[in-house]
Amino acid sequence: MPAMLTYAIGDIHGSYTKLRNLLDRCTEHRGATEYRIVFLGDYIDRGPGSQQVVELLINTQSRAPDRVTCLRGNHEDMLLNAVHYGDHAPWLANGGGTTLASYRVSRADDIQPAHLNWFRSLPIAIADPKRLYVHAGVRPGVPLQQQSGHDLLWIREPFLSDPRDHGLYIVHGHTPIRSGMPELRRNRLNLDTGAYFGGPLTAAVFDETRVGPIAFITDAGLMVTPGASFAGADLTSHGR
């Protein structure tokens, strides 16, 4: 078995049951192997269980702080902007109302302080020797150490259509894939498989021997090896 496994998990968007199930699947998969988990942001909004998702992530991270990294997504950033500037409109236009409902409050600044402080603490990106983990992507042609926070949280084009090597393999979410299947490219991997609109919540599994993923795991328990056909595989699960 490899010395270390890394599980990267895509956009959750309030899909609490899917998150709980996927974490159980990852635990079963790794057994006694050393591991770390990287969550790619967008834990809140749209789905109904934002408060539960955040509580589960905080608890998971507190039990293994050296193994669990939660990155900031653009939805967490919008919530923090609503708190800081008092302008809720952009956030509410992008599903923030479901988050307020899950917390049973009417304004972002009424969310419990421990959760707001956790949102503020979230890093925008992390890297290992082979991969950069980030919510949205990178600006092609810009050195990784010079990327803007806005691009790391928000970019789609020209990143998604650019075939260049970015210096590290980019593992991201942000742009939902309607097929419910991870988008595996030579220079990047998109793991937003649409959990909140009926797709699976997906983890990519990486080891230390290669750049790309060695497996994909869904909340429903499906495990697929990259390069294998997805034909006939039902990647969807309908629990939240």
C-alpha atoms as a PDB file:
ATOM      1  CA  MET A   1       0.000   0.000   0.000  1.00  0.00           C
ATOM      2  CA  PRO A   2       1.162   3.600  -0.597  1.00  0.00           C
ATOM      3  CA  ALA A   3       2.714   5.510   2.297  1.00  0.00           C
ATOM      4  CA  MET A   4       0.113   8.285   2.109  1.00  0.00           C
ATOM      5  CA  LEU A   5      -3.276   8.707   0.470  1.00  0.00           C
ATOM      6  CA  THR A   6      -4.836  12.109  -0.230  1.00  0.00           C
ATOM      7  CA  TYR A   7      -8.603  12.437  -0.632  1.00  0.00           C
ATOM      8  CA  ALA A   8      -9.779  15.598  -2.407  1.00  0.00           C
ATOM      9  CA  ILE A   9     -13.512  16.248  -2.064  1.00  0.00           C
ATOM     10  CA  GLY A  10     -15.525  18.531  -4.335  1.00  0.00           C
ATOM     11  CA  ASP A  11     -18.308  21.054  -3.740  1.00  0.00           C
ATOM     12  CA  ILE A  12     -20.745  20.013  -0.997  1.00  0.00           C
ATOM     13  CA  HIS A  13     -23.321  22.853  -1.018  1.00  0.00           C
ATOM     14  CA  GLY A  14     -25.303  21.814   2.023  1.00  0.00           C
ATOM     15  CA  SER A  15     -25.495  18.116   1.099  1.00  0.00           C
ATOM     16  CA  TYR A  16     -24.994  16.842   4.628  1.00  0.00           C
ATOM     17  CA  THR A  17     -25.999  13.201   4.209  1.00  0.00           C
ATOM     18  CA  LYS A  18     -23.812  12.832   1.141  1.00  0.00           C
ATOM     19  CA  LEU A  19     -20.849  14.277   3.032  1.00  0.00           C
ATOM     20  CA  ARG A  20     -21.346  11.979   5.999  1.00  0.00           C
ATOM     21  CA  ASN A  21     -21.642   8.963   3.704  1.00  0.00           C
ATOM     22  CA  LEU A  22     -18.595   9.910   1.631  1.00  0.00           C
ATOM     23  CA  LEU A  23     -16.436  10.341   4.726  1.00  0.00           C
ATOM     24  CA  ASP A  24     -17.478   6.838   5.805  1.00  0.00           C
ATOM     25  CA  ARG A  25     -16.550   5.480   2.357  1.00  0.00           C
ATOM     26  CA  CYS A  26     -13.138   7.142   2.511  1.00  0.00           C
ATOM     27  CA  THR A  27     -12.522   5.682   5.976  1.00  0.00           C
ATOM     28  CA  GLU A  28     -13.381   2.217   4.694  1.00  0.00           C
ATOM     29  CA  HIS A  29     -11.152   2.689   1.644  1.00  0.00           C
ATOM     30  CA  ARG A  30      -7.998   3.800   3.440  1.00  0.00           C
ATOM     31  CA  GLY A  31      -8.028   1.238   6.238  1.00  0.00           C
ATOM     32  CA  ALA A  32      -4.831   1.705   8.248  1.00  0.00           C
ATOM     33  CA  THR A  33      -3.030   3.733   5.557  1.00  0.00           C
ATOM     34  CA  GLU A  34      -1.790   7.206   6.418  1.00  0.00           C
ATOM     35  CA  TYR A  35      -4.049   9.838   4.874  1.00  0.00           C
ATOM     36  CA  ARG A  36      -5.067  13.440   4.518  1.00  0.00           C
ATOM     37  CA  ILE A  37      -8.295  15.019   3.262  1.00  0.00           C
ATOM     38  CA  VAL A  38      -8.557  18.254   1.292  1.00  0.00           C
ATOM     39  CA  PHE A  39     -11.996  19.824   0.928  1.00  0.00           C
ATOM     40  CA  LEU A  40     -12.173  22.173  -2.066  1.00  0.00           C
ATOM     41  CA  GLY A  41     -14.667  24.750  -0.747  1.00  0.00           C
ATOM     42  CA  ASP A  42     -18.344  25.619  -1.225  1.00  0.00           C
ATOM     43  CA  TYR A  43     -19.697  23.891   1.849  1.00  0.00           C
ATOM     44  CA  ILE A  44     -22.756  26.119   2.137  1.00  0.00           C
ATOM     45  CA  ASP A  45     -25.706  27.451   0.077  1.00  0.00           C
ATOM     46  CA  ARG A  46     -28.215  25.798  -2.268  1.00  0.00           C
ATOM     47  CA  GLY A  47     -28.589  22.487  -0.427  1.00  0.00           C
ATOM     48  CA  PRO A  48     -30.579  22.384   2.818  1.00  0.00           C
ATOM     49  CA  GLY A  49     -27.917  21.259   5.319  1.00  0.00           C
ATOM     50  CA  SER A  50     -25.294  24.025   5.389  1.00  0.00           C
ATOM     51  CA  GLN A  51     -25.163  24.343   9.180  1.00  0.00           C
ATOM     52  CA  GLN A  52     -24.847  20.569   9.612  1.00  0.00           C
ATOM     53  CA  VAL A  53     -22.138  20.381   6.935  1.00  0.00           C
ATOM     54  CA  VAL A  54     -20.066  23.086   8.603  1.00  0.00           C
ATOM     55  CA  GLU A  55     -20.488  21.482  12.033  1.00  0.00           C
ATOM     56  CA  LEU A  56     -19.352  18.120  10.647  1.00  0.00           C
ATOM     57  CA  LEU A  57     -16.342  19.666   8.905  1.00  0.00           C
ATOM     58  CA  ILE A  58     -15.279  21.571  12.019  1.00  0.00           C
ATOM     59  CA  ASN A  59     -15.560  18.413  14.120  1.00  0.00           C
ATOM     60  CA  THR A  60     -13.719  16.313  11.534  1.00  0.00           C
ATOM     61  CA  GLN A  61     -10.927  18.876  11.361  1.00  0.00           C
ATOM     62  CA  SER A  62     -10.674  19.237  15.145  1.00  0.00           C
ATOM     63  CA  ARG A  63     -10.172  15.477  15.549  1.00  0.00           C
ATOM     64  CA  ALA A  64      -7.313  15.407  13.009  1.00  0.00           C
ATOM     65  CA  PRO A  65      -6.049  18.965  12.419  1.00  0.00           C
ATOM     66  CA  ASP A  66      -2.850  17.813  10.715  1.00  0.00           C
ATOM     67  CA  ARG A  67      -4.762  15.570   8.298  1.00  0.00           C
ATOM     68  CA  VAL A  68      -7.781  17.681   7.296  1.00  0.00           C
ATOM     69  CA  THR A  69      -7.633  20.906   5.275  1.00  0.00           C
ATOM     70  CA  CYS A  70     -10.735  22.870   4.345  1.00  0.00           C
ATOM     71  CA  LEU A  71     -10.225  25.456   1.600  1.00  0.00           C
ATOM     72  CA  ARG A  72     -12.347  28.529   1.080  1.00  0.00           C
ATOM     73  CA  GLY A  73     -14.800  28.560  -1.830  1.00  0.00           C
ATOM     74  CA  ASN A  74     -16.444  31.517  -3.494  1.00  0.00           C
ATOM     75  CA  HIS A  75     -19.659  30.857  -1.540  1.00  0.00           C
ATOM     76  CA  GLU A  76     -17.874  31.158   1.800  1.00  0.00           C
ATOM     77  CA  ASP A  77     -16.260  34.307   0.422  1.00  0.00           C
ATOM     78  CA  MET A  78     -19.661  35.765  -0.512  1.00  0.00           C
ATOM     79  CA  LEU A  79     -20.983  35.038   2.968  1.00  0.00           C
ATOM     80  CA  LEU A  80     -18.004  36.803   4.559  1.00  0.00           C
ATOM     81  CA  ASN A  81     -18.486  39.777   2.260  1.00  0.00           C
ATOM     82  CA  ALA A  82     -22.122  39.955   3.366  1.00  0.00           C
ATOM     83  CA  VAL A  83     -20.963  40.022   6.990  1.00  0.00           C
ATOM     84  CA  HIS A  84     -18.194  42.565   6.396  1.00  0.00           C
ATOM     85  CA  TYR A  85     -19.953  44.963   4.035  1.00  0.00           C
ATOM     86  CA  GLY A  86     -23.595  44.364   4.971  1.00  0.00           C
ATOM     87  CA  ASP A  87     -24.572  43.762   1.337  1.00  0.00           C
ATOM     88  CA  HIS A  88     -26.429  40.455   1.259  1.00  0.00           C
ATOM     89  CA  ALA A  89     -27.768  40.716  -2.306  1.00  0.00           C
ATOM     90  CA  PRO A  90     -24.951  38.929  -4.220  1.00  0.00           C
ATOM     91  CA  TRP A  91     -24.864  36.096  -1.710  1.00  0.00           C
ATOM     92  CA  LEU A  92     -28.641  35.692  -1.558  1.00  0.00           C
ATOM     93  CA  ALA A  93     -28.776  35.627  -5.369  1.00  0.00           C
ATOM     94  CA  ASN A  94     -26.469  32.590  -5.255  1.00  0.00           C
ATOM     95  CA  GLY A  95     -28.313  30.401  -2.758  1.00  0.00           C
ATOM     96  CA  GLY A  96     -27.474  32.128   0.518  1.00  0.00           C
ATOM     97  CA  GLY A  97     -31.096  31.964   1.670  1.00  0.00           C
ATOM     98  CA  THR A  98     -30.859  28.212   2.230  1.00  0.00           C
ATOM     99  CA  THR A  99     -27.863  28.779   4.481  1.00  0.00           C
ATOM    100  CA  LEU A 100     -29.722  31.369   6.550  1.00  0.00           C
ATOM    101  CA  ALA A 101     -32.617  28.932   6.850  1.00  0.00           C
ATOM    102  CA  SER A 102     -30.342  26.125   8.021  1.00  0.00           C
ATOM    103  CA  TYR A 103     -28.936  28.406  10.751  1.00  0.00           C
ATOM    104  CA  ARG A 104     -32.415  29.770  11.531  1.00  0.00           C
ATOM    105  CA  VAL A 105     -31.249  33.364  11.250  1.00  0.00           C
ATOM    106  CA  SER A 106     -32.144  36.241   8.937  1.00  0.00           C
ATOM    107  CA  ARG A 107     -28.724  37.820   8.399  1.00  0.00           C
ATOM    108  CA  ALA A 108     -25.233  36.481   7.766  1.00  0.00           C
ATOM    109  CA  ASP A 109     -23.785  38.270  10.796  1.00  0.00           C
ATOM    110  CA  ASP A 110     -26.236  36.379  13.024  1.00  0.00           C
ATOM    111  CA  ILE A 111     -24.603  33.034  12.182  1.00  0.00           C
ATOM    112  CA  GLN A 112     -22.906  31.588  15.234  1.00  0.00           C
ATOM    113  CA  PRO A 113     -19.522  33.268  15.838  1.00  0.00           C
ATOM    114  CA  ALA A 114     -17.539  30.013  15.924  1.00  0.00           C
ATOM    115  CA  HIS A 115     -18.665  29.212  12.392  1.00  0.00           C
ATOM    116  CA  LEU A 116     -17.978  32.722  11.104  1.00  0.00           C
ATOM    117  CA  ASN A 117     -14.482  32.557  12.599  1.00  0.00           C
ATOM    118  CA  TRP A 118     -13.951  29.192  10.927  1.00  0.00           C
ATOM    119  CA  PHE A 119     -14.977  30.637   7.544  1.00  0.00           C
ATOM    120  CA  ARG A 120     -12.467  33.462   8.068  1.00  0.00           C
ATOM    121  CA  SER A 121      -9.692  30.977   8.841  1.00  0.00           C
ATOM    122  CA  LEU A 122     -10.026  28.983   5.617  1.00  0.00           C
ATOM    123  CA  PRO A 123      -6.991  29.103   3.287  1.00  0.00           C
ATOM    124  CA  ILE A 124      -7.503  29.714  -0.433  1.00  0.00           C
ATOM    125  CA  ALA A 125      -5.102  27.068  -1.754  1.00  0.00           C
ATOM    126  CA  ILE A 126      -2.588  24.457  -0.679  1.00  0.00           C
ATOM    127  CA  ALA A 127      -0.015  22.470  -2.641  1.00  0.00           C
ATOM    128  CA  ASP A 128       1.959  19.278  -2.396  1.00  0.00           C
ATOM    129  CA  PRO A 129       4.960  18.397  -4.590  1.00  0.00           C
ATOM    130  CA  LYS A 130       2.725  17.337  -7.495  1.00  0.00           C
ATOM    131  CA  ARG A 131      -0.614  19.154  -7.157  1.00  0.00           C
ATOM    132  CA  LEU A 132      -2.258  22.481  -6.325  1.00  0.00           C
ATOM    133  CA  TYR A 133      -5.617  22.190  -4.570  1.00  0.00           C
ATOM    134  CA  VAL A 134      -7.861  25.210  -5.044  1.00  0.00           C
ATOM    135  CA  HIS A 135     -11.549  25.984  -5.328  1.00  0.00           C
ATOM    136  CA  ALA A 136     -11.934  27.408  -8.839  1.00  0.00           C
ATOM    137  CA  GLY A 137      -8.662  27.214 -10.763  1.00  0.00           C
ATOM    138  CA  VAL A 138      -5.779  29.433 -11.850  1.00  0.00           C
ATOM    139  CA  ARG A 139      -5.101  32.178 -14.361  1.00  0.00           C
ATOM    140  CA  PRO A 140      -3.187  30.535 -17.260  1.00  0.00           C
ATOM    141  CA  GLY A 141       0.255  32.014 -17.868  1.00  0.00           C
ATOM    142  CA  VAL A 142       0.535  33.552 -14.387  1.00  0.00           C
ATOM    143  CA  PRO A 143       3.061  31.890 -12.031  1.00  0.00           C
ATOM    144  CA  LEU A 144       1.276  30.004  -9.258  1.00  0.00           C
ATOM    145  CA  GLN A 145       2.823  32.142  -6.530  1.00  0.00           C
ATOM    146  CA  GLN A 146       1.457  35.282  -8.249  1.00  0.00           C
ATOM    147  CA  GLN A 147      -2.163  34.149  -8.658  1.00  0.00           C
ATOM    148  CA  SER A 148      -4.843  36.521  -7.362  1.00  0.00           C
ATOM    149  CA  GLY A 149      -7.217  35.406  -4.645  1.00  0.00           C
ATOM    150  CA  HIS A 150     -10.155  36.387  -6.845  1.00  0.00           C
ATOM    151  CA  ASP A 151      -9.058  34.048  -9.642  1.00  0.00           C
ATOM    152  CA  LEU A 152      -8.388  31.176  -7.254  1.00  0.00           C
ATOM    153  CA  LEU A 153     -11.942  31.504  -5.928  1.00  0.00           C
ATOM    154  CA  TRP A 154     -13.883  32.487  -9.055  1.00  0.00           C
ATOM    155  CA  ILE A 155     -12.165  31.769 -12.373  1.00  0.00           C
ATOM    156  CA  ARG A 156     -13.739  29.640 -15.078  1.00  0.00           C
ATOM    157  CA  GLU A 157     -12.473  30.796 -18.462  1.00  0.00           C
ATOM    158  CA  PRO A 158      -9.831  30.953 -19.760  1.00  0.00           C
ATOM    159  CA  PHE A 159      -8.729  28.313 -17.250  1.00  0.00           C
ATOM    160  CA  LEU A 160     -11.171  25.552 -18.166  1.00  0.00           C
ATOM    161  CA  SER A 161     -10.295  25.505 -21.856  1.00  0.00           C
ATOM    162  CA  ASP A 162      -6.533  26.024 -21.489  1.00  0.00           C
ATOM    163  CA  PRO A 163      -4.488  22.854 -22.115  1.00  0.00           C
ATOM    164  CA  ARG A 164      -1.171  24.157 -20.783  1.00  0.00           C
ATOM    165  CA  ASP A 165       0.807  22.691 -17.932  1.00  0.00           C
ATOM    166  CA  HIS A 166       0.339  25.149 -15.053  1.00  0.00           C
ATOM    167  CA  GLY A 167       3.429  24.002 -13.157  1.00  0.00           C
ATOM    168  CA  LEU A 168       1.447  21.729 -10.848  1.00  0.00           C
ATOM    169  CA  TYR A 169      -1.583  19.566 -11.534  1.00  0.00           C
ATOM    170  CA  ILE A 170      -4.675  21.599 -10.584  1.00  0.00           C
ATOM    171  CA  VAL A 171      -7.346  19.891  -8.453  1.00  0.00           C
ATOM    172  CA  HIS A 172     -10.461  22.065  -8.257  1.00  0.00           C
ATOM    173  CA  GLY A 173     -14.245  22.311  -8.138  1.00  0.00           C
ATOM    174  CA  HIS A 174     -16.488  25.378  -8.644  1.00  0.00           C
ATOM    175  CA  THR A 175     -17.862  24.552 -12.120  1.00  0.00           C
ATOM    176  CA  PRO A 176     -20.582  21.895 -11.765  1.00  0.00           C
ATOM    177  CA  ILE A 177     -20.421  18.971 -14.172  1.00  0.00           C
ATOM    178  CA  ARG A 178     -23.934  18.078 -15.271  1.00  0.00           C
ATOM    179  CA  SER A 179     -22.967  14.506 -16.152  1.00  0.00           C
ATOM    180  CA  GLY A 180     -22.153  13.812 -12.493  1.00  0.00           C
ATOM    181  CA  MET A 181     -18.715  12.507 -13.487  1.00  0.00           C
ATOM    182  CA  PRO A 182     -15.337  14.051 -12.597  1.00  0.00           C
ATOM    183  CA  GLU A 183     -13.724  15.964 -15.438  1.00  0.00           C
ATOM    184  CA  LEU A 184     -10.264  14.462 -15.782  1.00  0.00           C
ATOM    185  CA  ARG A 185      -7.846  16.434 -17.987  1.00  0.00           C
ATOM    186  CA  ARG A 186      -4.098  16.200 -18.506  1.00  0.00           C
ATOM    187  CA  ASN A 187      -3.480  19.411 -16.564  1.00  0.00           C
ATOM    188  CA  ARG A 188      -6.417  19.525 -14.121  1.00  0.00           C
ATOM    189  CA  LEU A 189      -9.247  17.655 -12.415  1.00  0.00           C
ATOM    190  CA  ASN A 190     -12.703  19.105 -11.716  1.00  0.00           C
ATOM    191  CA  LEU A 191     -14.477  17.424  -8.789  1.00  0.00           C
ATOM    192  CA  ASP A 192     -17.707  19.450  -8.643  1.00  0.00           C
ATOM    193  CA  THR A 193     -20.042  16.619  -9.638  1.00  0.00           C
ATOM    194  CA  GLY A 194     -23.240  18.469  -8.718  1.00  0.00           C
ATOM    195  CA  ALA A 195     -24.068  17.050  -5.295  1.00  0.00           C
ATOM    196  CA  TYR A 196     -26.746  19.638  -4.582  1.00  0.00           C
ATOM    197  CA  PHE A 197     -28.730  19.005  -7.774  1.00  0.00           C
ATOM    198  CA  GLY A 198     -28.801  15.210  -7.650  1.00  0.00           C
ATOM    199  CA  GLY A 199     -25.273  14.261  -8.678  1.00  0.00           C
ATOM    200  CA  PRO A 200     -22.864  12.462  -6.385  1.00  0.00           C
ATOM    201  CA  LEU A 201     -20.434  13.954  -3.945  1.00  0.00           C
ATOM    202  CA  THR A 202     -17.082  12.747  -5.196  1.00  0.00           C
ATOM    203  CA  ALA A 203     -13.623  12.226  -3.723  1.00  0.00           C
ATOM    204  CA  ALA A 204     -10.524  11.751  -5.853  1.00  0.00           C
ATOM    205  CA  VAL A 205      -7.842   9.560  -4.322  1.00  0.00           C
ATOM    206  CA  PHE A 206      -4.180  10.387  -4.899  1.00  0.00           C
ATOM    207  CA  ASP A 207      -1.018   8.630  -3.809  1.00  0.00           C
ATOM    208  CA  GLU A 208       2.595   9.774  -3.730  1.00  0.00           C
ATOM    209  CA  THR A 209       3.745   7.867  -6.809  1.00  0.00           C
ATOM    210  CA  ARG A 210       1.829   9.630  -9.580  1.00  0.00           C
ATOM    211  CA  VAL A 211       0.339  13.010 -10.382  1.00  0.00           C
ATOM    212  CA  GLY A 212      -3.229  12.094 -11.293  1.00  0.00           C
ATOM    213  CA  PRO A 213      -5.850  10.255  -9.234  1.00  0.00           C
ATOM    214  CA  ILE A 214      -5.707   6.526  -8.620  1.00  0.00           C
ATOM    215  CA  ALA A 215      -9.450   6.245  -7.917  1.00  0.00           C
ATOM    216  CA  PHE A 216     -12.731   8.108  -7.519  1.00  0.00           C
ATOM    217  CA  ILE A 217     -15.158   7.354  -4.691  1.00  0.00           C
ATOM    218  CA  THR A 218     -18.752   8.597  -4.469  1.00  0.00           C
ATOM    219  CA  ASP A 219     -21.037   9.002  -1.481  1.00  0.00           C
ATOM    220  CA  ALA A 220     -23.071   6.050  -2.764  1.00  0.00           C
ATOM    221  CA  GLY A 221     -20.012   3.809  -2.528  1.00  0.00           C
ATOM    222  CA  LEU A 222     -19.119   3.538  -6.201  1.00  0.00           C
ATOM    223  CA  MET A 223     -15.369   3.344  -6.785  1.00  0.00           C
ATOM    224  CA  VAL A 224     -14.025   3.929 -10.291  1.00  0.00           C
ATOM    225  CA  THR A 225     -10.432   3.704 -11.497  1.00  0.00           C
ATOM    226  CA  PRO A 226      -9.395   6.544 -13.850  1.00  0.00           C
ATOM    227  CA  GLY A 227      -9.325   5.277 -17.399  1.00  0.00           C
ATOM    228  CA  ALA A 228     -12.137   2.812 -16.752  1.00  0.00           C
ATOM    229  CA  SER A 229     -15.380   3.458 -18.561  1.00  0.00           C
ATOM    230  CA  PHE A 230     -18.155   5.197 -16.657  1.00  0.00           C
ATOM    231  CA  ALA A 231     -20.673   3.701 -19.097  1.00  0.00           C
ATOM    232  CA  GLY A 232     -23.505   2.120 -17.227  1.00  0.00           C
ATOM    233  CA  ALA A 233     -22.289   3.318 -13.845  1.00  0.00           C
ATOM    234  CA  ASP A 234     -24.946   5.098 -11.838  1.00  0.00           C
ATOM    235  CA  LEU A 235     -22.945   7.801 -10.069  1.00  0.00           C
ATOM    236  CA  THR A 236     -25.975   9.551  -8.632  1.00  0.00           C
ATOM    237  CA  SER A 237     -27.323   9.263  -5.137  1.00  0.00           C
ATOM    238  CA  HIS A 238     -30.360  11.118  -3.988  1.00  0.00           C
ATOM    239  CA  GLY A 239     -29.770  11.535  -0.264  1.00  0.00           C
ATOM    240  CA  ARG A 240     -28.733  14.942   1.066  1.00  0.00           C
END
